[in-house]
Amino acid sequence: MPTRSLTRVTTKPGPGRPPVHHETWSKVSVVLFDRQILHLDRLASEIRGKSGKLLNRAEIIRALIDGLIDSGMDITGTGSEADLRARVARRLGSPFR
């Protein structure tokens, strides 16, 4: 009986960063205020300083969105961005004007 040799196929990594997402994704552009970018950058720096872990802006934003989704908070009655902000702040225990 003849024997078959198995050849292991290895793929060479492509250029750029390796994929880090484990689900389908889309790249979107969102306008953020300068103060929000500054806060995200400071937050990322503080996280790195306290835990040694690197979290970038996108990871923080995705975590905040997923946290809102996971909370089950009903925001369908929200009438404006300011109203949504106030509802979320109240839910998190920080009264917003």
C-alpha atoms as a PDB file:
ATOM      1  CA  MET A   1       0.000   0.000   0.000  1.00  0.00           C
ATOM      2  CA  PRO A   2       1.561   3.322  -1.036  1.00  0.00           C
ATOM      3  CA  THR A   3       2.053   5.978   1.622  1.00  0.00           C
ATOM      4  CA  ARG A   4       0.935   9.544   1.159  1.00  0.00           C
ATOM      5  CA  SER A   5       3.024  12.380   2.341  1.00  0.00           C
ATOM      6  CA  LEU A   6       1.198  15.324   3.803  1.00  0.00           C
ATOM      7  CA  THR A   7       2.531  18.747   3.057  1.00  0.00           C
ATOM      8  CA  ARG A   8       1.842  21.432   5.603  1.00  0.00           C
ATOM      9  CA  VAL A   9       0.861  24.669   3.938  1.00  0.00           C
ATOM     10  CA  THR A  10       2.103  27.747   5.699  1.00  0.00           C
ATOM     11  CA  THR A  11       0.958  31.162   4.699  1.00  0.00           C
ATOM     12  CA  LYS A  12       3.205  34.140   4.864  1.00  0.00           C
ATOM     13  CA  PRO A  13       1.693  37.008   6.836  1.00  0.00           C
ATOM     14  CA  GLY A  14       0.640  39.959   4.732  1.00  0.00           C
ATOM     15  CA  PRO A  15       1.831  43.505   5.191  1.00  0.00           C
ATOM     16  CA  GLY A  16       0.548  45.663   8.007  1.00  0.00           C
ATOM     17  CA  ARG A  17      -0.769  44.826  11.430  1.00  0.00           C
ATOM     18  CA  PRO A  18      -2.112  41.333  12.093  1.00  0.00           C
ATOM     19  CA  PRO A  19      -5.905  41.088  12.423  1.00  0.00           C
ATOM     20  CA  VAL A  20      -7.033  41.475  16.023  1.00  0.00           C
ATOM     21  CA  HIS A  21     -10.812  41.319  15.650  1.00  0.00           C
ATOM     22  CA  HIS A  22     -12.659  38.078  16.163  1.00  0.00           C
ATOM     23  CA  GLU A  23     -15.901  39.141  14.493  1.00  0.00           C
ATOM     24  CA  THR A  24     -16.896  40.970  11.343  1.00  0.00           C
ATOM     25  CA  TRP A  25     -16.248  44.691  11.421  1.00  0.00           C
ATOM     26  CA  SER A  26     -16.572  47.871   9.402  1.00  0.00           C
ATOM     27  CA  LYS A  27     -14.412  50.949   9.457  1.00  0.00           C
ATOM     28  CA  VAL A  28     -16.450  54.095  10.064  1.00  0.00           C
ATOM     29  CA  SER A  29     -15.671  57.767  10.400  1.00  0.00           C
ATOM     30  CA  VAL A  30     -17.144  59.567  13.374  1.00  0.00           C
ATOM     31  CA  VAL A  31     -16.730  63.212  14.284  1.00  0.00           C
ATOM     32  CA  LEU A  32     -15.615  63.674  17.879  1.00  0.00           C
ATOM     33  CA  PHE A  33     -14.953  66.934  19.681  1.00  0.00           C
ATOM     34  CA  ASP A  34     -11.347  67.829  20.537  1.00  0.00           C
ATOM     35  CA  ARG A  35     -12.180  67.619  24.256  1.00  0.00           C
ATOM     36  CA  GLN A  36     -13.419  64.046  23.739  1.00  0.00           C
ATOM     37  CA  ILE A  37     -10.223  63.027  21.942  1.00  0.00           C
ATOM     38  CA  LEU A  38      -8.151  64.628  24.689  1.00  0.00           C
ATOM     39  CA  HIS A  39     -10.138  62.750  27.340  1.00  0.00           C
ATOM     40  CA  LEU A  40      -9.787  59.425  25.473  1.00  0.00           C
ATOM     41  CA  ASP A  41      -6.031  59.937  25.169  1.00  0.00           C
ATOM     42  CA  ARG A  42      -5.691  60.817  28.857  1.00  0.00           C
ATOM     43  CA  LEU A  43      -7.812  57.827  29.806  1.00  0.00           C
ATOM     44  CA  ALA A  44      -5.699  55.480  27.673  1.00  0.00           C
ATOM     45  CA  SER A  45      -2.563  56.897  29.278  1.00  0.00           C
ATOM     46  CA  GLU A  46      -3.972  56.499  32.806  1.00  0.00           C
ATOM     47  CA  ILE A  47      -5.032  52.914  32.074  1.00  0.00           C
ATOM     48  CA  ARG A  48      -1.533  52.147  30.783  1.00  0.00           C
ATOM     49  CA  GLY A  49       0.005  53.782  33.871  1.00  0.00           C
ATOM     50  CA  LYS A  50      -2.167  51.865  36.357  1.00  0.00           C
ATOM     51  CA  SER A  51      -2.425  48.465  34.694  1.00  0.00           C
ATOM     52  CA  GLY A  52       0.374  48.376  32.157  1.00  0.00           C
ATOM     53  CA  LYS A  53      -2.213  47.419  29.522  1.00  0.00           C
ATOM     54  CA  LEU A  54      -2.523  49.291  26.245  1.00  0.00           C
ATOM     55  CA  LEU A  55      -6.009  50.348  25.214  1.00  0.00           C
ATOM     56  CA  ASN A  56      -6.398  52.636  22.240  1.00  0.00           C
ATOM     57  CA  ARG A  57      -9.216  55.074  21.461  1.00  0.00           C
ATOM     58  CA  ALA A  58     -11.130  52.610  19.302  1.00  0.00           C
ATOM     59  CA  GLU A  59     -11.019  49.899  21.985  1.00  0.00           C
ATOM     60  CA  ILE A  60     -12.316  52.308  24.621  1.00  0.00           C
ATOM     61  CA  ILE A  61     -15.123  53.533  22.350  1.00  0.00           C
ATOM     62  CA  ARG A  62     -16.112  49.956  21.370  1.00  0.00           C
ATOM     63  CA  ALA A  63     -16.143  48.928  25.052  1.00  0.00           C
ATOM     64  CA  LEU A  64     -18.368  51.885  25.963  1.00  0.00           C
ATOM     65  CA  ILE A  65     -20.806  51.068  23.151  1.00  0.00           C
ATOM     66  CA  ASP A  66     -20.897  47.372  24.061  1.00  0.00           C
ATOM     67  CA  GLY A  67     -21.387  48.283  27.721  1.00  0.00           C
ATOM     68  CA  LEU A  68     -24.403  50.389  26.791  1.00  0.00           C
ATOM     69  CA  ILE A  69     -25.779  47.578  24.615  1.00  0.00           C
ATOM     70  CA  ASP A  70     -25.166  44.945  27.319  1.00  0.00           C
ATOM     71  CA  SER A  71     -26.854  47.120  29.946  1.00  0.00           C
ATOM     72  CA  GLY A  72     -30.197  46.691  28.206  1.00  0.00           C
ATOM     73  CA  MET A  73     -30.904  50.371  28.754  1.00  0.00           C
ATOM     74  CA  ASP A  74     -33.819  51.478  26.603  1.00  0.00           C
ATOM     75  CA  ILE A  75     -32.717  54.598  24.731  1.00  0.00           C
ATOM     76  CA  THR A  76     -35.359  54.438  22.005  1.00  0.00           C
ATOM     77  CA  GLY A  77     -37.261  57.354  23.545  1.00  0.00           C
ATOM     78  CA  THR A  78     -34.239  59.626  23.376  1.00  0.00           C
ATOM     79  CA  GLY A  79     -34.930  62.855  21.531  1.00  0.00           C
ATOM     80  CA  SER A  80     -31.446  64.314  21.151  1.00  0.00           C
ATOM     81  CA  GLU A  81     -27.757  63.764  21.739  1.00  0.00           C
ATOM     82  CA  ALA A  82     -27.962  65.927  24.882  1.00  0.00           C
ATOM     83  CA  ASP A  83     -30.879  63.862  26.186  1.00  0.00           C
ATOM     84  CA  LEU A  84     -29.005  60.601  25.547  1.00  0.00           C
ATOM     85  CA  ARG A  85     -25.922  61.974  27.295  1.00  0.00           C
ATOM     86  CA  ALA A  86     -27.981  62.979  30.349  1.00  0.00           C
ATOM     87  CA  ARG A  87     -29.723  59.572  30.499  1.00  0.00           C
ATOM     88  CA  VAL A  88     -26.444  57.666  30.319  1.00  0.00           C
ATOM     89  CA  ALA A  89     -24.799  59.942  32.906  1.00  0.00           C
ATOM     90  CA  ARG A  90     -27.730  59.452  35.297  1.00  0.00           C
ATOM     91  CA  ARG A  91     -27.612  55.682  34.779  1.00  0.00           C
ATOM     92  CA  LEU A  92     -23.903  55.690  35.602  1.00  0.00           C
ATOM     93  CA  GLY A  93     -24.517  57.769  38.704  1.00  0.00           C
ATOM     94  CA  SER A  94     -23.150  61.066  37.454  1.00  0.00           C
ATOM     95  CA  PRO A  95     -25.844  63.731  37.197  1.00  0.00           C
ATOM     96  CA  PHE A  96     -25.376  65.749  34.053  1.00  0.00           C
ATOM     97  CA  ARG A  97     -26.805  69.260  34.015  1.00  0.00           C
END
